[in-house]
Amino acid sequence: MSETPLAAGGASYAAAGVDIEAGDRAVELMKQWVKKTQRPEVAGLGGLGGFAGLFDASALKRYERPLLASATDGVGTKVDLARKMGVYDTIGHDLVGMVVDDLVVCGAEPLFMTDYICVGKVHPERVAAIVKGIAEGCVLAGCSLVGGETAEHPGLLGPDDFDVAGAGTGVVEADRLLGADRVRAGDAVIAMASSGLHSNGYSLVRHVFFDRAGWALDREVPEFGRTLGEELLEPTRIYSLDCLALTRTTEVHAFSHVTGGGLANNLARVIPDHLHAAVDRSTWQPGAVFDLVGKAGQVERLELEKTLNMGVGMIAIVPQESVDAALATLEDRGVDAWVAGEITERGDRATGAELTGDHAA
C-alpha cells in the first residue's frame, strides 16, 4: 500500500489557522477591563484565564428564599456594522443590555455574566476592545464579568468576522418576584425612553438603508446630527439598576423589556389573560431613526412597530398611587419616562396589549 507523503514540516494548529499566542495576548489585554467589574462576591476568587468563573454564593444567605434567574442573548446583525466601521468597544454594551434587562424583568438583580466571542481570526486588540465594552456594560448593570470564551474558527468565518453572545445570572427574593400575576386593572404603564434602535431589527434596518436606499455608513444625516453609522451603533441603554431602584422606592407589579417583536408583543408577555394594556402613541414622539427607516423603506407602521422598539426600551407597570414616585425616581436617575397607558379589563379584545392613537407631532 502506498502512503501519501506528509507536507514539509507537518501539520500544526497555527497552519490550520488558529493562533494560540494571539489568544493568550488577548486574555492579557482584557484582564484590566474584567477586573473593573468585580463585585465583592467575586473579588479574590480565581481570576481570568481559569476554567470556570466563581461567585461566592454565601452572599445569598440574606435571602429567605432566593430564586436564581438566568438569561442568554446576542446582538444579532448589529455586529456586522461594528465590523464594517472598525468600532468594537460599544457592541459589548448591547450584549450586556440584552441579557441583564431580561433578568431584571422578573425583579432579579444581575449578579454575573459570561461571554462567548467567536472570530475568524484572533486580533488581540480587537477582542480586548469587545471585552472592554462588555466590562463597561457590566459596570453599568452592577454585575461581574466572571469569564468567557474566545473561539477562533478559521475557514468558517472570515478573518475579520465575529459574533458575540452572553449569559447572565441574577437573584430575586421569591416573594418579590414580578410578573403577570401581580398586574391589576387600573395599573399605569410607564414607558422608559430607548437610546435608539438598541439591538433588534437590524436585518430590516440594514436592508432599508443599504439595499433599498443605497446609503453609506459615513453618510451625514441631518436628522441624526451625525453619520448613519454612528447612529446605528448607538449602544443599547442598560436599565437594570434603574429598574431595581424603582423596586426599592415604590411598588412595581411588572416590567417588560422591549426587544424583538416590538412594544405591544413584549408588553403582552406580562399581561394576564383577563387584562389588556392600552398604550397611547400620542404620549411620545419616536426618534428620527424610526421615522427614516419607515420612509426610506416604505415600511408600514405596523411592520415597524412589531420589529423595532419605536423609542421605548423598557416598560414598568405600577399601581396608580406609585406613578409619581416612580417618575421621580427615574427622573433622578436621568431616565426619560412618562405615563404611556393603562391596564384595563380585556373584554372582547383579542390581544393582551395594543397601541392606540397617533404619535405626538
Protein backbone atom coordinates (compact mmCIF):
# COMPACT_ATOMS: atom_id res chain seq x y z
CA MET A 1 0.00 0.00 0.00
CA SER A 2 1.38 3.40 -0.93
CA GLU A 3 1.33 6.21 1.61
CA THR A 4 0.67 9.89 0.95
CA PRO A 5 3.76 11.81 1.98
CA LEU A 6 3.33 14.45 4.69
CA ALA A 7 3.69 18.07 3.68
CA ALA A 8 7.01 19.57 4.51
CA GLY A 9 7.17 20.47 8.21
CA GLY A 10 3.98 18.56 9.05
CA ALA A 11 0.65 19.98 10.12
CA SER A 12 0.12 22.35 13.05
CA TYR A 13 -2.68 24.25 14.73
CA ALA A 14 -1.16 27.51 13.51
CA ALA A 15 -1.01 26.22 9.95
CA ALA A 16 -4.71 25.35 10.25
CA GLY A 17 -5.38 28.98 11.12
CA VAL A 18 -5.57 29.01 14.93
CA ASP A 19 -3.13 31.32 16.71
CA ILE A 20 -2.86 30.28 20.36
CA GLU A 21 -0.33 33.01 21.15
CA ALA A 22 -2.70 35.68 19.85
CA GLY A 23 -5.44 34.27 22.06
CA ASP A 24 -3.16 34.43 25.09
CA ARG A 25 -2.30 38.05 24.31
CA ALA A 26 -6.00 38.89 24.01
CA VAL A 27 -6.58 37.47 27.51
CA GLU A 28 -3.78 39.60 28.92
CA LEU A 29 -5.17 42.73 27.29
CA MET A 30 -8.70 42.16 28.59
CA LYS A 31 -7.77 41.46 32.22
CA GLN A 32 -7.71 45.13 33.21
CA TRP A 33 -11.26 45.61 31.98
CA VAL A 34 -12.68 42.48 33.57
CA LYS A 35 -11.18 43.48 36.92
CA LYS A 36 -13.26 46.67 36.90
CA THR A 37 -16.48 44.61 37.03
CA GLN A 38 -15.71 42.66 40.20
CA ARG A 39 -18.41 42.65 42.84
CA PRO A 40 -17.42 41.70 46.42
CA GLU A 41 -18.73 38.16 45.83
CA VAL A 42 -16.17 37.70 43.05
CA ALA A 43 -13.11 39.60 44.24
CA GLY A 44 -10.22 37.32 45.17
CA LEU A 45 -11.79 34.18 43.73
CA GLY A 46 -9.61 32.74 40.99
CA GLY A 47 -9.06 35.06 38.07
CA LEU A 48 -9.45 35.43 34.34
CA GLY A 49 -7.97 32.51 32.46
CA GLY A 50 -9.28 29.78 34.74
CA PHE A 51 -11.60 27.01 33.62
CA ALA A 52 -14.63 28.45 35.40
CA GLY A 53 -15.75 31.74 36.89
CA LEU A 54 -16.51 31.77 40.60
CA PHE A 55 -19.14 33.58 42.66
CA ASP A 56 -19.43 33.42 46.44
CA ALA A 57 -22.97 32.10 46.91
CA SER A 58 -22.83 32.68 50.68
CA ALA A 59 -23.94 36.20 49.79
CA LEU A 60 -27.37 34.71 49.09
CA LYS A 61 -27.84 33.79 52.75
CA ARG A 62 -29.50 37.13 53.34
CA TYR A 63 -32.41 35.96 51.20
CA GLU A 64 -35.27 34.00 52.73
CA ARG A 65 -35.92 32.10 49.51
CA PRO A 66 -33.54 33.18 46.73
CA LEU A 67 -34.63 32.43 43.18
CA LEU A 68 -31.88 32.36 40.58
CA ALA A 69 -32.77 33.83 37.20
CA SER A 70 -30.79 33.19 34.02
CA ALA A 71 -30.83 34.69 30.54
CA THR A 72 -28.78 34.44 27.38
CA ASP A 73 -28.70 36.51 24.20
CA GLY A 74 -26.62 38.04 21.45
CA VAL A 75 -26.81 41.27 19.46
CA GLY A 76 -27.71 39.93 16.03
CA THR A 77 -26.55 41.52 12.81
CA LYS A 78 -25.51 44.73 14.54
CA VAL A 79 -22.07 43.11 14.82
CA ASP A 80 -21.70 43.47 11.05
CA LEU A 81 -21.95 47.25 11.36
CA ALA A 82 -19.34 47.26 14.13
CA ARG A 83 -17.02 45.23 11.91
CA LYS A 84 -17.52 47.50 8.91
CA MET A 85 -16.92 50.63 10.97
CA GLY A 86 -13.99 49.19 12.87
CA VAL A 87 -15.65 50.12 16.18
CA TYR A 88 -15.57 47.28 18.69
CA ASP A 89 -15.96 48.83 22.15
CA THR A 90 -19.70 49.60 22.01
CA ILE A 91 -21.13 46.27 20.91
CA GLY A 92 -20.46 44.89 24.40
CA HIS A 93 -22.88 47.41 25.89
CA ASP A 94 -25.53 45.96 23.60
CA LEU A 95 -24.75 42.43 24.70
CA VAL A 96 -24.98 43.24 28.39
CA GLY A 97 -28.18 45.21 27.92
CA MET A 98 -29.87 42.37 26.07
CA VAL A 99 -29.05 39.95 28.89
CA VAL A 100 -29.37 41.89 32.15
CA ASP A 101 -32.52 43.74 31.16
CA ASP A 102 -34.20 40.39 30.55
CA LEU A 103 -33.12 39.34 34.04
CA VAL A 104 -34.46 42.45 35.76
CA VAL A 105 -37.93 41.99 34.24
CA CYS A 106 -38.73 39.48 36.99
CA GLY A 107 -37.15 41.76 39.61
CA ALA A 108 -33.83 39.91 39.67
CA GLU A 109 -30.60 41.72 40.49
CA PRO A 110 -27.95 40.76 37.89
CA LEU A 111 -25.02 39.08 39.64
CA PHE A 112 -22.62 37.89 36.97
CA MET A 113 -22.17 37.29 33.25
CA THR A 114 -20.06 35.18 30.95
CA ASP A 115 -19.42 35.92 27.30
CA TYR A 116 -18.65 34.00 24.12
CA ILE A 117 -16.75 35.68 21.31
CA CYS A 118 -16.37 33.75 18.06
CA VAL A 119 -13.89 35.12 15.50
CA GLY A 120 -12.44 34.08 12.19
CA LYS A 121 -9.01 35.23 13.34
CA VAL A 122 -7.92 36.47 16.74
CA HIS A 123 -6.82 40.09 16.60
CA PRO A 124 -5.87 40.61 20.26
CA GLU A 125 -6.58 44.34 20.39
CA ARG A 126 -9.94 43.85 18.69
CA VAL A 127 -11.01 41.10 21.08
CA ALA A 128 -9.86 43.20 24.02
CA ALA A 129 -11.93 46.14 22.76
CA ILE A 130 -15.02 43.93 22.59
CA VAL A 131 -14.43 42.72 26.13
CA LYS A 132 -13.80 46.30 27.26
CA GLY A 133 -17.30 47.16 26.06
CA ILE A 134 -18.79 44.13 27.80
CA ALA A 135 -16.98 45.05 31.03
CA GLU A 136 -18.17 48.66 30.84
CA GLY A 137 -21.70 47.37 30.31
CA CYS A 138 -21.39 45.11 33.34
CA VAL A 139 -20.33 48.08 35.45
CA LEU A 140 -23.42 49.98 34.30
CA ALA A 141 -25.54 46.92 35.15
CA GLY A 142 -23.92 46.31 38.54
CA CYS A 143 -22.82 42.76 37.72
CA SER A 144 -19.47 40.98 37.41
CA LEU A 145 -17.95 39.55 34.25
CA VAL A 146 -16.59 36.29 35.63
CA GLY A 147 -15.30 34.63 32.48
CA GLY A 148 -15.92 33.70 28.89
CA GLU A 149 -14.58 32.07 25.79
CA THR A 150 -12.87 33.38 22.69
CA ALA A 151 -13.11 30.83 19.87
CA GLU A 152 -11.17 31.07 16.63
CA HIS A 153 -12.96 29.47 13.66
CA PRO A 154 -10.80 29.83 10.55
CA GLY A 155 -12.49 28.55 7.43
CA LEU A 156 -15.96 29.06 8.91
CA LEU A 157 -15.64 32.80 9.47
CA GLY A 158 -13.64 35.34 7.51
CA PRO A 159 -10.56 36.84 9.18
CA ASP A 160 -12.49 39.97 10.21
CA ASP A 161 -15.80 38.30 11.04
CA PHE A 162 -17.01 37.83 14.60
CA ASP A 163 -20.08 37.23 16.70
CA VAL A 164 -20.81 37.65 20.41
CA ALA A 165 -23.18 36.04 22.88
CA GLY A 166 -23.55 36.18 26.62
CA ALA A 167 -25.30 34.56 29.55
CA GLY A 168 -26.18 36.10 32.88
CA THR A 169 -27.42 35.05 36.30
CA GLY A 170 -29.41 37.10 38.76
CA VAL A 171 -31.29 36.61 42.02
CA VAL A 172 -34.65 37.72 43.37
CA GLU A 173 -36.44 37.06 46.64
CA ALA A 174 -39.31 34.66 45.93
CA ASP A 175 -41.97 36.89 47.46
CA ARG A 176 -40.72 39.86 45.39
CA LEU A 177 -40.89 38.06 42.05
CA LEU A 178 -42.51 40.35 39.48
CA GLY A 179 -44.77 39.29 36.65
CA ALA A 180 -48.24 38.97 35.19
CA ASP A 181 -49.81 37.62 38.38
CA ARG A 182 -49.23 40.99 40.10
CA VAL A 183 -50.74 43.15 37.34
CA ARG A 184 -54.15 44.67 38.14
CA ALA A 185 -56.78 46.63 36.24
CA GLY A 186 -56.14 50.34 36.76
CA ASP A 187 -52.35 49.98 36.82
CA ALA A 188 -50.35 52.58 34.91
CA VAL A 189 -47.98 51.77 32.06
CA ILE A 190 -44.79 53.79 32.40
CA ALA A 191 -42.52 53.96 29.35
CA MET A 192 -38.76 54.49 29.55
CA ALA A 193 -37.08 56.00 26.50
CA SER A 194 -34.69 53.93 24.44
CA SER A 195 -31.32 55.26 23.27
CA GLY A 196 -32.24 54.38 19.70
CA LEU A 197 -32.65 51.11 17.87
CA HIS A 198 -30.88 49.14 20.63
CA SER A 199 -30.04 45.70 19.19
CA ASN A 200 -33.13 44.43 17.43
CA GLY A 201 -34.50 44.73 13.91
CA TYR A 202 -31.13 45.31 12.28
CA SER A 203 -31.85 42.90 9.44
CA LEU A 204 -34.72 45.20 8.44
CA VAL A 205 -32.70 48.36 9.14
CA ARG A 206 -29.72 47.19 7.08
CA HIS A 207 -31.99 46.13 4.23
CA VAL A 208 -33.70 49.53 4.20
CA PHE A 209 -30.66 51.80 4.42
CA PHE A 210 -28.15 49.78 2.41
CA ASP A 211 -30.09 47.64 -0.07
CA ARG A 212 -33.05 49.90 -0.80
CA ALA A 213 -31.80 53.43 -0.10
CA GLY A 214 -28.18 52.80 -1.02
CA TRP A 215 -26.82 54.88 1.86
CA ALA A 216 -23.25 54.54 3.11
CA LEU A 217 -22.25 54.27 6.76
CA ASP A 218 -20.32 57.54 6.55
CA ARG A 219 -23.29 59.46 5.15
CA GLU A 220 -24.03 62.57 7.21
CA VAL A 221 -27.70 62.55 8.17
CA PRO A 222 -29.03 65.96 9.31
CA GLU A 223 -31.86 64.37 11.28
CA PHE A 224 -29.28 62.49 13.37
CA GLY A 225 -26.71 65.25 13.63
CA ARG A 226 -24.09 62.60 12.87
CA THR A 227 -23.34 59.85 10.37
CA LEU A 228 -25.63 56.93 9.66
CA GLY A 229 -23.07 54.52 11.07
CA GLU A 230 -22.73 56.45 14.32
CA GLU A 231 -26.49 56.44 14.78
CA LEU A 232 -26.82 52.73 14.06
CA LEU A 233 -24.03 51.85 16.50
CA GLU A 234 -25.55 53.85 19.37
CA PRO A 235 -25.30 51.44 22.33
CA THR A 236 -28.33 49.87 23.95
CA ARG A 237 -29.48 51.60 27.12
CA ILE A 238 -28.98 49.40 30.19
CA TYR A 239 -31.93 49.76 32.57
CA SER A 240 -31.21 47.14 35.23
CA LEU A 241 -30.09 49.50 38.02
CA ASP A 242 -32.87 51.95 37.17
CA CYS A 243 -35.47 49.18 37.42
CA LEU A 244 -34.01 47.90 40.68
CA ALA A 245 -34.14 51.43 42.06
CA LEU A 246 -37.84 51.52 41.21
CA THR A 247 -38.48 48.31 43.14
CA ARG A 248 -36.78 49.85 46.18
CA THR A 249 -38.54 53.22 46.11
CA THR A 250 -42.07 52.27 45.10
CA GLU A 251 -44.38 49.39 44.27
CA VAL A 252 -43.84 47.74 40.89
CA HIS A 253 -46.02 44.96 39.50
CA ALA A 254 -44.14 44.08 36.31
CA PHE A 255 -41.51 45.14 33.82
CA SER A 256 -41.32 44.46 30.10
CA HIS A 257 -38.07 44.65 28.13
CA VAL A 258 -38.90 45.90 24.63
CA THR A 259 -36.77 43.90 22.20
CA GLY A 260 -37.51 41.81 19.10
CA GLY A 261 -41.24 41.79 18.42
CA GLY A 262 -41.77 45.40 19.42
CA LEU A 263 -43.55 47.15 22.25
CA ALA A 264 -47.03 45.59 22.08
CA ASN A 265 -45.84 42.00 21.72
CA ASN A 266 -43.33 42.25 24.56
CA LEU A 267 -45.76 44.05 26.84
CA ALA A 268 -48.38 41.37 26.22
CA ARG A 269 -45.99 38.79 27.72
CA VAL A 270 -46.54 40.25 31.21
CA ILE A 271 -50.29 40.87 30.94
CA PRO A 272 -52.62 38.20 32.41
CA ASP A 273 -55.24 36.68 30.13
CA HIS A 274 -58.16 38.67 31.57
CA LEU A 275 -56.47 42.08 31.27
CA HIS A 276 -55.43 44.40 28.46
CA ALA A 277 -52.70 47.05 28.14
CA ALA A 278 -53.57 50.11 26.06
CA VAL A 279 -50.57 52.28 25.15
CA ASP A 280 -51.24 55.73 23.70
CA ARG A 281 -48.85 56.66 20.90
CA SER A 282 -49.61 60.37 21.40
CA THR A 283 -47.64 60.36 24.67
CA TRP A 284 -44.30 60.36 22.87
CA GLN A 285 -42.53 61.02 19.59
CA PRO A 286 -40.16 58.27 18.35
CA GLY A 287 -36.63 59.35 17.42
CA ALA A 288 -35.70 60.31 13.88
CA VAL A 289 -34.15 56.94 13.09
CA PHE A 290 -37.51 55.19 13.34
CA ASP A 291 -39.15 57.72 11.03
CA LEU A 292 -36.34 57.40 8.49
CA VAL A 293 -36.47 53.60 8.48
CA GLY A 294 -40.16 53.87 7.68
CA LYS A 295 -39.77 56.48 4.95
CA ALA A 296 -36.64 55.11 3.29
CA GLY A 297 -38.03 51.59 3.15
CA GLN A 298 -41.71 52.45 2.74
CA VAL A 299 -42.27 50.27 5.79
CA GLU A 300 -45.82 50.21 7.10
CA ARG A 301 -46.35 51.40 10.65
CA LEU A 302 -47.49 48.04 11.98
CA GLU A 303 -44.40 46.39 10.48
CA LEU A 304 -42.17 48.98 12.15
CA GLU A 305 -43.93 48.52 15.48
CA LYS A 306 -43.62 44.75 15.52
CA THR A 307 -39.92 44.93 14.61
CA LEU A 308 -38.44 47.98 16.37
CA ASN A 309 -38.81 49.45 19.87
CA MET A 310 -40.10 52.78 18.45
CA GLY A 311 -38.38 54.77 21.19
CA VAL A 312 -39.40 52.73 24.24
CA GLY A 313 -36.82 50.33 25.65
CA MET A 314 -38.41 49.30 28.95
CA ILE A 315 -41.89 49.36 30.47
CA ALA A 316 -42.82 49.45 34.16
CA ILE A 317 -46.34 48.57 35.27
CA VAL A 318 -47.16 50.20 38.59
CA PRO A 319 -50.29 50.94 40.64
CA GLN A 320 -51.68 54.44 40.12
CA GLU A 321 -50.59 55.53 43.60
CA SER A 322 -46.96 54.70 42.69
CA VAL A 323 -46.81 56.74 39.49
CA ASP A 324 -45.44 59.98 40.97
CA ALA A 325 -42.76 58.20 42.98
CA ALA A 326 -41.77 56.07 40.00
CA LEU A 327 -41.44 59.03 37.66
CA ALA A 328 -39.47 60.97 40.28
CA THR A 329 -37.06 58.08 40.78
CA LEU A 330 -36.47 57.73 37.05
CA GLU A 331 -36.01 61.48 36.62
CA ASP A 332 -33.43 61.50 39.42
CA ARG A 333 -31.57 58.74 37.56
CA GLY A 334 -31.63 60.61 34.25
CA VAL A 335 -34.15 58.32 32.58
CA ASP A 336 -36.70 59.98 30.32
CA ALA A 337 -40.00 58.35 31.35
CA TRP A 338 -43.72 59.07 31.08
CA VAL A 339 -47.15 57.50 31.62
CA ALA A 340 -47.95 55.90 28.28
CA GLY A 341 -51.09 53.93 29.04
CA GLU A 342 -53.09 51.86 31.46
CA ILE A 343 -54.25 48.35 32.25
CA THR A 344 -57.94 47.58 31.76
CA GLU A 345 -60.19 44.56 31.68
CA ARG A 346 -59.75 42.75 28.37
CA GLY A 347 -63.41 42.33 27.49
CA ASP A 348 -63.69 41.25 23.86
CA ARG A 349 -60.21 42.46 22.89
CA ALA A 350 -58.23 39.75 21.13
CA THR A 351 -54.76 40.80 22.28
CA GLY A 352 -53.07 41.47 25.60
CA ALA A 353 -51.62 44.82 24.51
CA GLU A 354 -52.14 47.32 21.73
CA LEU A 355 -51.01 50.77 20.63
CA THR A 356 -53.69 53.40 20.08
CA GLY A 357 -53.77 56.93 18.67
CA ASP A 358 -51.04 58.69 16.72
CA HIS A 359 -47.60 59.81 17.81
CA ALA A 360 -47.11 63.36 19.02
CA ALA A 361 -46.20 65.84 16.30
